[in-house]
Amino acid sequence: MGRQYIFSNKAIFPFLSSVLCFVSSATYAEELNAVQVDNKATPKESAVKATTSVETTPAPQSIANSAVSTDALAAIREAIQNSNYKLAYQSALVIKSDYEGDPEYDFLFGLAALETGEFHEAVFALERVVTSYPDQLRARLELGRAYYATHNYAAAKKEFNLVLEQNPPENVKQNVLPFLTRIDLMENSYKSSFNGYIGFSGGYDSNINGATSANNAIFSPEEGLDQIEVPLGDDSKEIDDTYSNIVGGFGYLYPFSKRSAIVAKLSATQRNNLDSDTYDMGNYGIETTYLMTVGQIRSSYGFLYQSLKLNSADYQDSYHLVGNWGFDTQSKWQFATNLTLSDIRYPEALSDDRDIRQLALFTSVSKEFLGLVHTGSFIYSNSNTKTSDDESNGKDSIGWSYTGMKAFGQSYALYYRFLMQTTENDDLSISPYFGELREDDQMSNALGWQWLIFKGFSFRTEFSYTKNDSNIELYEYDRTKLDLGIRYQL
């Protein structure tokens, strides 16, 4: 899920996702051997050994106590006992159709596949074992190694951390920690790569123009004079419609070293409303960013240009200088800060009174707790008009947000997002027509679900509700939105 636009005319860009890096087979072989508990024991003995030396809680039923005849697996056990993993793997293949799904067979087959370089086979087999015996730390260790071998570092990291959370013996900890250190280096290293995405979405929006539902606007020209009530045209009142979105982007990362790189990206979004062409919107951007990692601190510094078109006509041009900083602690807290300086222009406006300069600060902290990833954020922005004649478009905004996400395996995630933001104009709002300073309080709630159908291809649905309260009735509105979309990461 990308970060949403939470300030008018300002986008906050997250860090570029970690790029995939590869480790040499020689280095991998050394690390693979370092984490083993004791592969020279027989399968039954290794299951018991893992139970007594790794687990600190009562063991589940031994993996070796399966319904499969132990005689049928004797050749595989003997081959593993003699470190003849190639023979063990070949023997296991012969009886695979008969015994696949049996926990003991899957463990032996997964171990043999892992040691002979058949890493994906090892993942499938060991995943079945861990599903049946989630408390069997020996199987979880081997699954972590298999994930590591297939460069699925996030999954490997999760398995190794689950083992450490059970407070295993010190020798097991010392074998696992180098893997985690290596994974951290991998995640923070940069590799030359092309990437892109394309997505389609659609849904219903109860208020595509973010306008009031009132039929009239009430003006207060001067103190002591009667209020003036003016009927609003249809385009000035809320409009509901169904819509479709198409999004796409392309980027290239060029590394200067393992700790620094430059990224160039192009992006485009086009939203078309079914009935209201007036509010069809296109957003096109070009961005270049320098990435670097110093110790545990990740940072990026970039320039972004965006062109916003309304019904195919030029509406807004914006130029942004963007800085990001972030780091993770040993206790798994994640901290991030974003600072953006923007120059926002309206080329078709009759005057430059609407053009503004904006400073925006976004800072967040994340932590996994009770099975949920919790993220709290603080938001601040200050906007000033570029001319001194009219400050009515200048404003200050301050707010906070909360996001909670629950992952179900590696394919599904459910999330909730809440945003509260207060905005106050710098001068009399559209002075002197209202006779008071405009102040808005906006609250937004969103509930969404994501599904990774297969690698690179995902589905998302989100329901959101926004309410904007203002001391000036013209700017009060409600907005309900239902969005469904698919996305393919190239």
Protein backbone atom coordinates (compact mmCIF):
# COMPACT_ATOMS: atom_id res chain seq x y z
CA MET A 1 0.00 0.00 0.00
CA GLY A 2 1.46 3.39 -1.00
CA ARG A 3 1.30 6.45 1.29
CA GLN A 4 -1.74 8.60 0.56
CA TYR A 5 -1.93 12.28 -0.30
CA ILE A 6 -2.68 13.81 3.06
CA PHE A 7 -2.02 17.48 2.34
CA SER A 8 -3.49 19.50 -0.48
CA ASN A 9 -1.06 19.57 -3.41
CA LYS A 10 1.62 17.57 -1.61
CA ALA A 11 2.69 13.97 -1.95
CA ILE A 12 4.81 12.16 0.61
CA PHE A 13 7.03 9.54 -0.96
CA PRO A 14 8.17 6.46 0.94
CA PHE A 15 11.59 4.93 0.72
CA LEU A 16 12.32 2.84 -2.36
CA SER A 17 11.74 -0.84 -1.60
CA SER A 18 14.88 -2.88 -0.93
CA VAL A 19 16.28 -4.42 -4.11
CA LEU A 20 17.12 -8.10 -4.43
CA CYS A 21 20.77 -8.96 -3.97
CA PHE A 22 22.53 -12.29 -4.47
CA VAL A 23 25.18 -14.01 -2.40
CA SER A 24 27.88 -16.19 -3.94
CA SER A 25 27.41 -19.95 -3.70
CA ALA A 26 30.68 -20.30 -1.77
CA THR A 27 29.62 -17.73 0.82
CA TYR A 28 26.18 -19.28 1.04
CA ALA A 29 27.60 -22.78 1.58
CA GLU A 30 29.66 -21.55 4.53
CA GLU A 31 26.66 -19.84 6.14
CA LEU A 32 24.36 -22.75 5.39
CA ASN A 33 26.64 -25.14 7.26
CA ALA A 34 27.07 -22.73 10.17
CA VAL A 35 23.40 -22.75 11.14
CA GLN A 36 22.88 -26.51 11.19
CA VAL A 37 21.98 -28.07 14.51
CA ASP A 38 23.26 -31.59 13.82
CA ASN A 39 22.59 -33.09 10.41
CA LYS A 40 24.64 -36.19 11.11
CA ALA A 41 22.10 -37.60 13.53
CA THR A 42 19.45 -39.94 12.24
CA PRO A 43 16.07 -38.32 11.48
CA LYS A 44 14.47 -39.69 14.63
CA GLU A 45 17.49 -38.67 16.70
CA SER A 46 17.63 -35.22 15.11
CA ALA A 47 13.97 -34.64 15.90
CA VAL A 48 14.61 -35.56 19.53
CA LYS A 49 17.85 -33.58 19.60
CA ALA A 50 16.07 -30.51 18.28
CA THR A 51 13.41 -30.96 20.91
CA THR A 52 15.84 -31.25 23.80
CA SER A 53 18.49 -28.74 22.73
CA VAL A 54 16.49 -26.10 20.88
CA GLU A 55 13.00 -25.95 22.27
CA THR A 56 12.36 -24.64 25.74
CA THR A 57 8.68 -25.63 25.84
CA PRO A 58 7.30 -29.17 25.76
CA ALA A 59 7.79 -30.60 22.28
CA PRO A 60 4.89 -31.48 20.02
CA GLN A 61 4.51 -35.03 18.83
CA SER A 62 7.84 -35.98 17.25
CA ILE A 63 8.05 -35.55 13.52
CA ALA A 64 9.48 -39.06 13.36
CA ASN A 65 6.32 -40.58 14.84
CA SER A 66 4.42 -40.59 11.57
CA ALA A 67 2.16 -43.17 10.01
CA VAL A 68 4.76 -44.04 7.39
CA SER A 69 6.64 -47.27 7.93
CA THR A 70 10.10 -46.46 9.25
CA ASP A 71 11.49 -49.24 7.01
CA ALA A 72 10.37 -47.31 3.92
CA LEU A 73 12.54 -44.37 4.96
CA ALA A 74 15.53 -46.38 6.14
CA ALA A 75 17.64 -45.69 3.04
CA ILE A 76 17.04 -41.95 3.32
CA ARG A 77 17.91 -41.92 7.02
CA GLU A 78 21.11 -43.85 6.42
CA ALA A 79 22.17 -41.56 3.58
CA ILE A 80 21.62 -38.45 5.71
CA GLN A 81 23.46 -40.07 8.63
CA ASN A 82 26.43 -40.53 6.29
CA SER A 83 26.07 -36.99 4.89
CA ASN A 84 25.28 -38.47 1.46
CA TYR A 85 22.55 -35.93 0.73
CA LYS A 86 22.51 -36.53 -3.02
CA LEU A 87 21.67 -40.19 -2.48
CA ALA A 88 19.10 -39.23 0.17
CA TYR A 89 17.44 -36.80 -2.24
CA GLN A 90 17.33 -39.33 -5.09
CA SER A 91 15.93 -42.00 -2.77
CA ALA A 92 13.27 -39.61 -1.52
CA LEU A 93 12.23 -38.74 -5.07
CA VAL A 94 11.54 -42.41 -5.82
CA ILE A 95 8.89 -42.68 -3.08
CA LYS A 96 7.65 -39.07 -3.27
CA SER A 97 4.28 -39.89 -4.85
CA ASP A 98 3.50 -42.35 -2.02
CA TYR A 99 4.76 -40.44 1.02
CA GLU A 100 4.56 -36.73 0.19
CA GLY A 101 2.59 -34.99 2.95
CA ASP A 102 3.83 -37.26 5.74
CA PRO A 103 5.69 -35.02 8.23
CA GLU A 104 8.72 -37.30 8.67
CA TYR A 105 9.12 -37.82 4.95
CA ASP A 106 8.69 -34.10 4.25
CA PHE A 107 11.35 -33.24 6.83
CA LEU A 108 13.86 -35.74 5.42
CA PHE A 109 13.09 -34.78 1.83
CA GLY A 110 13.30 -31.06 2.65
CA LEU A 111 16.64 -31.49 4.40
CA ALA A 112 18.07 -33.56 1.55
CA ALA A 113 16.78 -31.09 -1.05
CA LEU A 114 18.27 -28.18 0.87
CA GLU A 115 21.70 -29.81 1.08
CA THR A 116 21.74 -30.70 -2.64
CA GLY A 117 20.75 -27.25 -3.91
CA GLU A 118 17.08 -28.00 -4.67
CA PHE A 119 16.03 -25.02 -2.60
CA HIS A 120 12.47 -24.52 -3.87
CA GLU A 121 11.69 -28.20 -3.30
CA ALA A 122 13.03 -27.79 0.23
CA VAL A 123 10.77 -24.78 0.86
CA PHE A 124 7.61 -26.63 -0.20
CA ALA A 125 8.40 -29.69 1.93
CA LEU A 126 9.50 -27.82 5.05
CA GLU A 127 6.54 -25.45 4.89
CA ARG A 128 4.27 -28.48 5.23
CA VAL A 129 6.22 -29.67 8.26
CA VAL A 130 6.06 -26.27 9.99
CA THR A 131 2.33 -26.06 9.26
CA SER A 132 1.81 -29.42 11.02
CA TYR A 133 4.34 -28.77 13.82
CA PRO A 134 4.59 -24.99 14.36
CA ASP A 135 6.52 -25.50 17.63
CA GLN A 136 9.19 -27.74 16.05
CA LEU A 137 12.08 -25.27 15.99
CA ARG A 138 14.45 -27.60 14.14
CA ALA A 139 12.06 -27.67 11.17
CA ARG A 140 11.61 -23.89 11.42
CA LEU A 141 15.40 -23.40 11.37
CA GLU A 142 15.72 -25.48 8.21
CA LEU A 143 12.82 -23.58 6.62
CA GLY A 144 14.59 -20.32 7.42
CA ARG A 145 17.71 -21.64 5.67
CA ALA A 146 15.62 -22.67 2.64
CA TYR A 147 14.01 -19.22 2.41
CA TYR A 148 17.46 -17.66 2.65
CA ALA A 149 18.73 -19.86 -0.19
CA THR A 150 15.85 -18.75 -2.45
CA HIS A 151 16.62 -15.08 -1.61
CA ASN A 152 13.31 -14.69 0.22
CA TYR A 153 15.04 -12.73 2.94
CA ALA A 154 11.90 -11.33 4.55
CA ALA A 155 10.48 -14.83 5.10
CA ALA A 156 13.85 -16.16 6.31
CA LYS A 157 14.17 -13.28 8.75
CA LYS A 158 10.70 -13.99 10.10
CA GLU A 159 11.48 -17.70 10.71
CA PHE A 160 14.83 -16.99 12.39
CA ASN A 161 13.25 -14.37 14.65
CA LEU A 162 10.48 -16.79 15.62
CA VAL A 163 13.16 -19.24 16.70
CA LEU A 164 14.97 -16.58 18.75
CA GLU A 165 11.73 -15.57 20.44
CA GLN A 166 11.57 -19.08 21.97
CA ASN A 167 14.90 -18.44 23.76
CA PRO A 168 16.81 -21.42 22.32
CA PRO A 169 20.22 -22.52 23.65
CA GLU A 170 23.10 -20.07 23.21
CA ASN A 171 24.82 -22.11 20.48
CA VAL A 172 21.65 -21.99 18.36
CA LYS A 173 21.41 -18.23 18.86
CA GLN A 174 25.01 -17.78 17.76
CA ASN A 175 24.32 -19.81 14.61
CA VAL A 176 21.18 -17.84 13.73
CA LEU A 177 22.50 -14.32 14.39
CA PRO A 178 25.01 -14.31 11.48
CA PHE A 179 22.13 -15.11 9.14
CA LEU A 180 20.15 -12.14 10.43
CA THR A 181 23.19 -9.88 10.11
CA ARG A 182 23.71 -11.04 6.53
CA ILE A 183 20.03 -10.48 5.73
CA ASP A 184 20.23 -6.92 7.09
CA LEU A 185 23.20 -6.28 4.80
CA MET A 186 21.30 -7.74 1.86
CA GLU A 187 18.24 -5.61 2.55
CA ASN A 188 20.34 -2.47 2.76
CA SER A 189 22.44 -3.19 -0.33
CA TYR A 190 21.63 -1.81 -3.77
CA LYS A 191 21.72 -3.71 -7.06
CA SER A 192 21.27 -2.39 -10.59
CA SER A 193 17.68 -3.04 -11.61
CA PHE A 194 14.74 -2.00 -13.76
CA ASN A 195 11.28 -2.10 -12.24
CA GLY A 196 7.80 -1.05 -13.18
CA TYR A 197 4.15 -1.49 -12.40
CA ILE A 198 0.74 -1.14 -13.98
CA GLY A 199 -2.61 -1.13 -12.26
CA PHE A 200 -6.31 -0.76 -12.88
CA SER A 201 -9.00 0.17 -10.38
CA GLY A 202 -12.52 1.45 -10.24
CA GLY A 203 -15.33 2.12 -7.87
CA TYR A 204 -17.84 4.59 -6.53
CA ASP A 205 -17.19 8.07 -5.12
CA SER A 206 -20.04 9.97 -3.43
CA ASN A 207 -18.28 13.35 -3.76
CA ILE A 208 -15.75 13.45 -6.61
CA ASN A 209 -15.20 17.21 -6.29
CA GLY A 210 -15.05 17.43 -2.47
CA ALA A 211 -17.88 20.00 -2.42
CA THR A 212 -20.71 20.94 -0.09
CA SER A 213 -24.18 19.44 -0.22
CA ALA A 214 -25.73 22.86 0.55
CA ASN A 215 -27.78 24.57 -2.15
CA ASN A 216 -26.70 28.10 -1.21
CA ALA A 217 -23.55 29.93 -0.08
CA ILE A 218 -23.88 32.55 2.65
CA PHE A 219 -21.59 35.58 2.41
CA SER A 220 -20.95 38.20 5.12
CA PRO A 221 -19.39 41.17 3.30
CA GLU A 222 -18.84 43.50 6.25
CA GLU A 223 -19.73 43.68 9.90
CA GLY A 224 -23.15 45.26 10.39
CA LEU A 225 -24.42 44.41 6.91
CA ASP A 226 -26.99 41.76 6.11
CA GLN A 227 -25.78 38.36 4.98
CA ILE A 228 -26.05 37.55 1.28
CA GLU A 229 -27.34 34.15 0.19
CA VAL A 230 -26.24 33.03 -3.28
CA PRO A 231 -27.51 29.87 -5.04
CA LEU A 232 -24.78 27.41 -6.00
CA GLY A 233 -24.51 25.90 -9.47
CA ASP A 234 -24.50 22.15 -9.98
CA ASP A 235 -20.71 22.04 -10.49
CA SER A 236 -20.21 23.77 -7.12
CA LYS A 237 -22.15 21.14 -5.19
CA GLU A 238 -21.19 17.58 -4.42
CA ILE A 239 -21.30 15.19 -7.38
CA ASP A 240 -21.38 11.42 -7.04
CA ASP A 241 -20.10 9.17 -9.80
CA THR A 242 -18.46 5.87 -10.66
CA TYR A 243 -14.92 6.05 -11.95
CA SER A 244 -11.98 4.11 -13.34
CA ASN A 245 -8.24 4.55 -12.71
CA ILE A 246 -5.21 3.44 -14.64
CA VAL A 247 -1.77 3.83 -13.08
CA GLY A 248 1.68 2.97 -14.30
CA GLY A 249 5.30 3.66 -13.60
CA PHE A 250 8.82 2.72 -14.56
CA GLY A 251 12.12 3.13 -12.74
CA TYR A 252 15.80 2.34 -12.96
CA LEU A 253 18.22 2.00 -10.05
CA TYR A 254 21.95 2.46 -10.63
CA PRO A 255 24.22 1.63 -7.67
CA PHE A 256 27.39 3.56 -6.96
CA SER A 257 28.20 1.07 -4.20
CA LYS A 258 26.40 -1.37 -1.90
CA ARG A 259 25.43 1.61 0.24
CA SER A 260 24.55 4.29 -2.33
CA ALA A 261 22.56 4.49 -5.54
CA ILE A 262 20.57 6.80 -7.76
CA VAL A 263 17.02 6.17 -8.96
CA ALA A 264 15.08 7.69 -11.86
CA LYS A 265 11.33 7.15 -12.07
CA LEU A 266 8.42 8.07 -14.34
CA SER A 267 4.80 7.73 -13.19
CA ALA A 268 1.33 8.42 -14.52
CA THR A 269 -2.22 8.22 -13.17
CA GLN A 270 -5.41 8.87 -15.11
CA ARG A 271 -8.83 8.94 -13.47
CA ASN A 272 -11.96 9.07 -15.59
CA ASN A 273 -15.43 9.59 -14.16
CA LEU A 274 -18.31 7.90 -15.93
CA ASP A 275 -20.61 10.95 -16.18
CA SER A 276 -18.66 14.00 -14.95
CA ASP A 277 -15.87 14.68 -17.44
CA THR A 278 -15.26 18.08 -15.83
CA TYR A 279 -13.44 16.38 -12.96
CA ASP A 280 -11.44 13.81 -14.93
CA MET A 281 -7.90 14.07 -13.61
CA GLY A 282 -4.43 13.10 -14.79
CA ASN A 283 -1.25 13.19 -12.69
CA TYR A 284 2.15 12.77 -14.36
CA GLY A 285 5.49 12.80 -12.59
CA ILE A 286 9.22 12.49 -13.07
CA GLU A 287 11.55 11.91 -10.13
CA THR A 288 15.24 11.41 -9.44
CA THR A 289 16.49 10.32 -6.02
CA TYR A 290 19.85 9.64 -4.41
CA LEU A 291 19.81 6.76 -1.89
CA MET A 292 22.36 6.04 0.79
CA THR A 293 22.79 3.93 3.91
CA VAL A 294 25.14 4.89 6.73
CA GLY A 295 25.21 2.36 9.55
CA GLN A 296 21.59 1.61 10.38
CA ILE A 297 20.27 4.89 8.96
CA ARG A 298 18.68 4.89 5.51
CA SER A 299 18.22 8.20 3.72
CA SER A 300 17.20 9.57 0.34
CA TYR A 301 17.30 13.00 -1.28
CA GLY A 302 15.37 13.74 -4.42
CA PHE A 303 13.64 16.09 -6.82
CA LEU A 304 10.11 15.52 -8.11
CA TYR A 305 8.13 17.32 -10.80
CA GLN A 306 4.37 16.73 -11.12
CA SER A 307 1.88 17.94 -13.69
CA LEU A 308 -1.79 17.80 -12.76
CA LYS A 309 -4.40 18.04 -15.52
CA LEU A 310 -8.13 18.58 -15.02
CA ASN A 311 -10.31 17.42 -17.91
CA SER A 312 -7.14 17.32 -20.09
CA ALA A 313 -6.35 21.00 -19.39
CA ASP A 314 -3.30 22.20 -17.44
CA TYR A 315 -4.33 22.78 -13.84
CA GLN A 316 -1.28 22.63 -11.58
CA ASP A 317 2.49 22.26 -11.82
CA SER A 318 4.49 21.42 -8.70
CA TYR A 319 8.19 21.09 -7.91
CA HIS A 320 9.34 19.22 -4.81
CA LEU A 321 12.60 18.75 -2.94
CA VAL A 322 12.18 15.60 -0.84
CA GLY A 323 14.28 14.15 1.99
CA ASN A 324 13.66 10.85 3.79
CA TRP A 325 15.41 9.33 6.80
CA GLY A 326 14.70 6.08 8.61
CA PHE A 327 16.17 3.41 10.85
CA ASP A 328 15.18 0.25 12.74
CA THR A 329 16.12 -0.59 16.32
CA GLN A 330 17.17 -3.95 17.72
CA SER A 331 13.81 -4.13 19.49
CA LYS A 332 12.06 -3.90 16.08
CA TRP A 333 10.86 -0.32 16.34
CA GLN A 334 10.90 1.48 12.99
CA PHE A 335 11.28 5.25 12.72
CA ALA A 336 10.91 7.39 9.59
CA THR A 337 10.87 11.10 8.79
CA ASN A 338 10.02 12.93 5.58
CA LEU A 339 10.65 16.62 4.82
CA THR A 340 9.30 18.16 1.60
CA LEU A 341 9.74 21.67 0.19
CA SER A 342 7.29 22.47 -2.62
CA ASP A 343 6.67 25.19 -5.18
CA ILE A 344 3.09 24.88 -6.45
CA ARG A 345 1.84 26.86 -9.43
CA TYR A 346 -1.49 27.24 -11.25
CA PRO A 347 -0.63 28.11 -14.87
CA GLU A 348 -4.18 28.82 -16.03
CA ALA A 349 -5.13 31.11 -13.12
CA LEU A 350 -5.91 34.76 -13.90
CA SER A 351 -3.31 35.86 -11.34
CA ASP A 352 -0.51 34.28 -9.33
CA ASP A 353 -2.32 34.79 -5.99
CA ARG A 354 -3.01 31.03 -5.80
CA ASP A 355 0.66 30.02 -6.23
CA ILE A 356 2.15 28.83 -2.96
CA ARG A 357 5.33 27.58 -1.35
CA GLN A 358 4.92 24.75 1.12
CA LEU A 359 6.95 23.09 3.86
CA ALA A 360 5.70 19.68 5.00
CA LEU A 361 6.95 17.38 7.75
CA PHE A 362 5.89 13.78 8.23
CA THR A 363 7.29 11.53 10.95
CA SER A 364 6.19 8.02 11.91
CA VAL A 365 6.97 5.14 14.24
CA SER A 366 6.02 1.48 13.66
CA LYS A 367 6.04 -1.61 15.83
CA GLU A 368 4.60 -5.11 15.59
CA PHE A 369 2.54 -5.96 18.67
CA LEU A 370 -0.09 -8.65 19.34
CA GLY A 371 0.05 -9.84 15.73
CA LEU A 372 -0.56 -6.36 14.26
CA VAL A 373 1.83 -3.84 12.76
CA HIS A 374 0.94 -0.50 14.36
CA THR A 375 2.07 2.79 12.77
CA GLY A 376 1.50 6.20 14.32
CA SER A 377 2.32 9.38 12.41
CA PHE A 378 2.58 13.12 13.03
CA ILE A 379 1.84 15.51 10.15
CA TYR A 380 2.56 19.22 9.76
CA SER A 381 2.53 21.59 6.79
CA ASN A 382 2.86 25.34 6.29
CA SER A 383 1.81 27.02 3.04
CA ASN A 384 2.43 30.64 2.07
CA THR A 385 1.31 32.49 -1.03
CA LYS A 386 4.11 33.75 -3.24
CA THR A 387 2.65 37.27 -3.39
CA SER A 388 2.20 39.62 -0.45
CA ASP A 389 -1.08 41.07 -1.77
CA ASP A 390 -3.29 38.15 -0.78
CA GLU A 391 -2.50 35.66 2.00
CA SER A 392 -5.91 33.93 1.90
CA ASN A 393 -4.43 30.81 0.27
CA GLY A 394 -1.75 30.47 2.94
CA LYS A 395 -2.54 27.91 5.64
CA ASP A 396 -1.14 25.75 8.44
CA SER A 397 -2.13 22.11 8.91
CA ILE A 398 -1.38 19.76 11.76
CA GLY A 399 -2.59 16.23 12.27
CA TRP A 400 -1.90 12.66 13.19
CA SER A 401 -2.75 9.25 11.79
CA TYR A 402 -2.84 5.62 12.84
CA THR A 403 -2.58 2.52 10.67
CA GLY A 404 -3.00 -1.04 11.87
CA MET A 405 -2.21 -4.00 9.61
CA LYS A 406 -2.76 -7.70 10.16
CA ALA A 407 -1.01 -10.14 7.83
CA PHE A 408 -2.41 -13.61 7.23
CA GLY A 409 0.55 -15.60 5.97
CA GLN A 410 2.39 -14.00 3.07
CA SER A 411 -0.61 -13.59 0.77
CA TYR A 412 -3.29 -11.66 2.66
CA ALA A 413 -3.39 -8.49 4.73
CA LEU A 414 -6.18 -6.52 6.38
CA TYR A 415 -5.60 -2.88 7.35
CA TYR A 416 -7.33 0.08 8.99
CA ARG A 417 -6.29 3.72 8.67
CA PHE A 418 -7.44 6.78 10.63
CA LEU A 419 -6.48 10.40 9.98
CA MET A 420 -7.34 13.56 11.93
CA GLN A 421 -6.17 16.91 10.59
CA THR A 422 -6.81 20.56 11.48
CA THR A 423 -6.21 23.36 8.95
CA GLU A 424 -6.30 27.11 9.59
CA ASN A 425 -5.98 29.80 6.92
CA ASP A 426 -3.42 32.55 7.42
CA ASP A 427 -5.72 35.45 6.57
CA LEU A 428 -9.43 36.11 6.11
CA SER A 429 -10.60 33.25 3.91
CA ILE A 430 -11.44 34.72 0.50
CA SER A 431 -11.61 38.07 2.30
CA PRO A 432 -13.84 39.98 2.64
CA TYR A 433 -16.64 37.62 1.58
CA PHE A 434 -16.97 35.58 4.76
CA GLY A 435 -15.75 37.97 7.44
CA GLU A 436 -14.03 35.28 9.55
CA LEU A 437 -10.93 33.11 9.51
CA ARG A 438 -11.53 29.72 7.91
CA GLU A 439 -10.80 26.68 10.10
CA ASP A 440 -11.34 23.06 9.02
CA ASP A 441 -11.26 19.77 10.94
CA GLN A 442 -11.04 16.70 8.75
CA MET A 443 -11.47 13.09 9.84
CA SER A 444 -10.90 10.11 7.57
CA ASN A 445 -11.34 6.37 8.11
CA ALA A 446 -10.39 3.58 5.72
CA LEU A 447 -10.67 -0.21 5.86
CA GLY A 448 -8.91 -2.28 3.23
CA TRP A 449 -7.86 -5.77 2.23
CA GLN A 450 -4.94 -6.86 0.05
CA TRP A 451 -4.36 -10.21 -1.62
CA LEU A 452 -1.11 -11.27 -3.28
CA ILE A 453 -2.55 -13.66 -5.86
CA PHE A 454 0.87 -14.70 -7.13
CA LYS A 455 4.29 -13.11 -7.30
CA GLY A 456 3.97 -9.58 -8.61
CA PHE A 457 0.17 -9.67 -9.06
CA SER A 458 -2.11 -8.34 -6.32
CA PHE A 459 -5.71 -7.37 -5.67
CA ARG A 460 -6.89 -4.64 -3.31
CA THR A 461 -10.21 -3.30 -2.09
CA GLU A 462 -10.76 -0.32 0.21
CA PHE A 463 -13.74 1.44 1.74
CA SER A 464 -13.21 4.96 3.10
CA TYR A 465 -15.24 7.73 4.68
CA THR A 466 -14.12 11.35 5.05
CA LYS A 467 -15.87 14.15 6.92
CA ASN A 468 -14.71 17.76 6.69
CA ASP A 469 -16.12 20.18 9.30
CA SER A 470 -15.61 23.91 8.84
CA ASN A 471 -16.70 27.12 10.52
CA ILE A 472 -17.78 28.24 7.01
CA GLU A 473 -20.64 26.10 5.77
CA LEU A 474 -19.52 26.27 2.14
CA TYR A 475 -16.52 24.08 2.95
CA GLU A 476 -18.30 21.35 4.90
CA TYR A 477 -18.69 18.02 3.13
CA ASP A 478 -18.85 14.23 3.48
CA ARG A 479 -17.28 11.72 1.14
CA THR A 480 -17.69 7.95 0.86
CA LYS A 481 -15.59 5.89 -1.51
CA LEU A 482 -15.36 2.23 -2.49
CA ASP A 483 -12.36 1.22 -4.59
CA LEU A 484 -11.34 -2.15 -6.07
CA GLY A 485 -8.15 -2.63 -8.04
CA ILE A 486 -5.50 -4.94 -9.40
CA ARG A 487 -1.80 -4.26 -9.79
CA TYR A 488 1.07 -6.03 -11.50
CA GLN A 489 4.65 -5.38 -10.44
CA LEU A 490 6.90 -5.90 -13.45
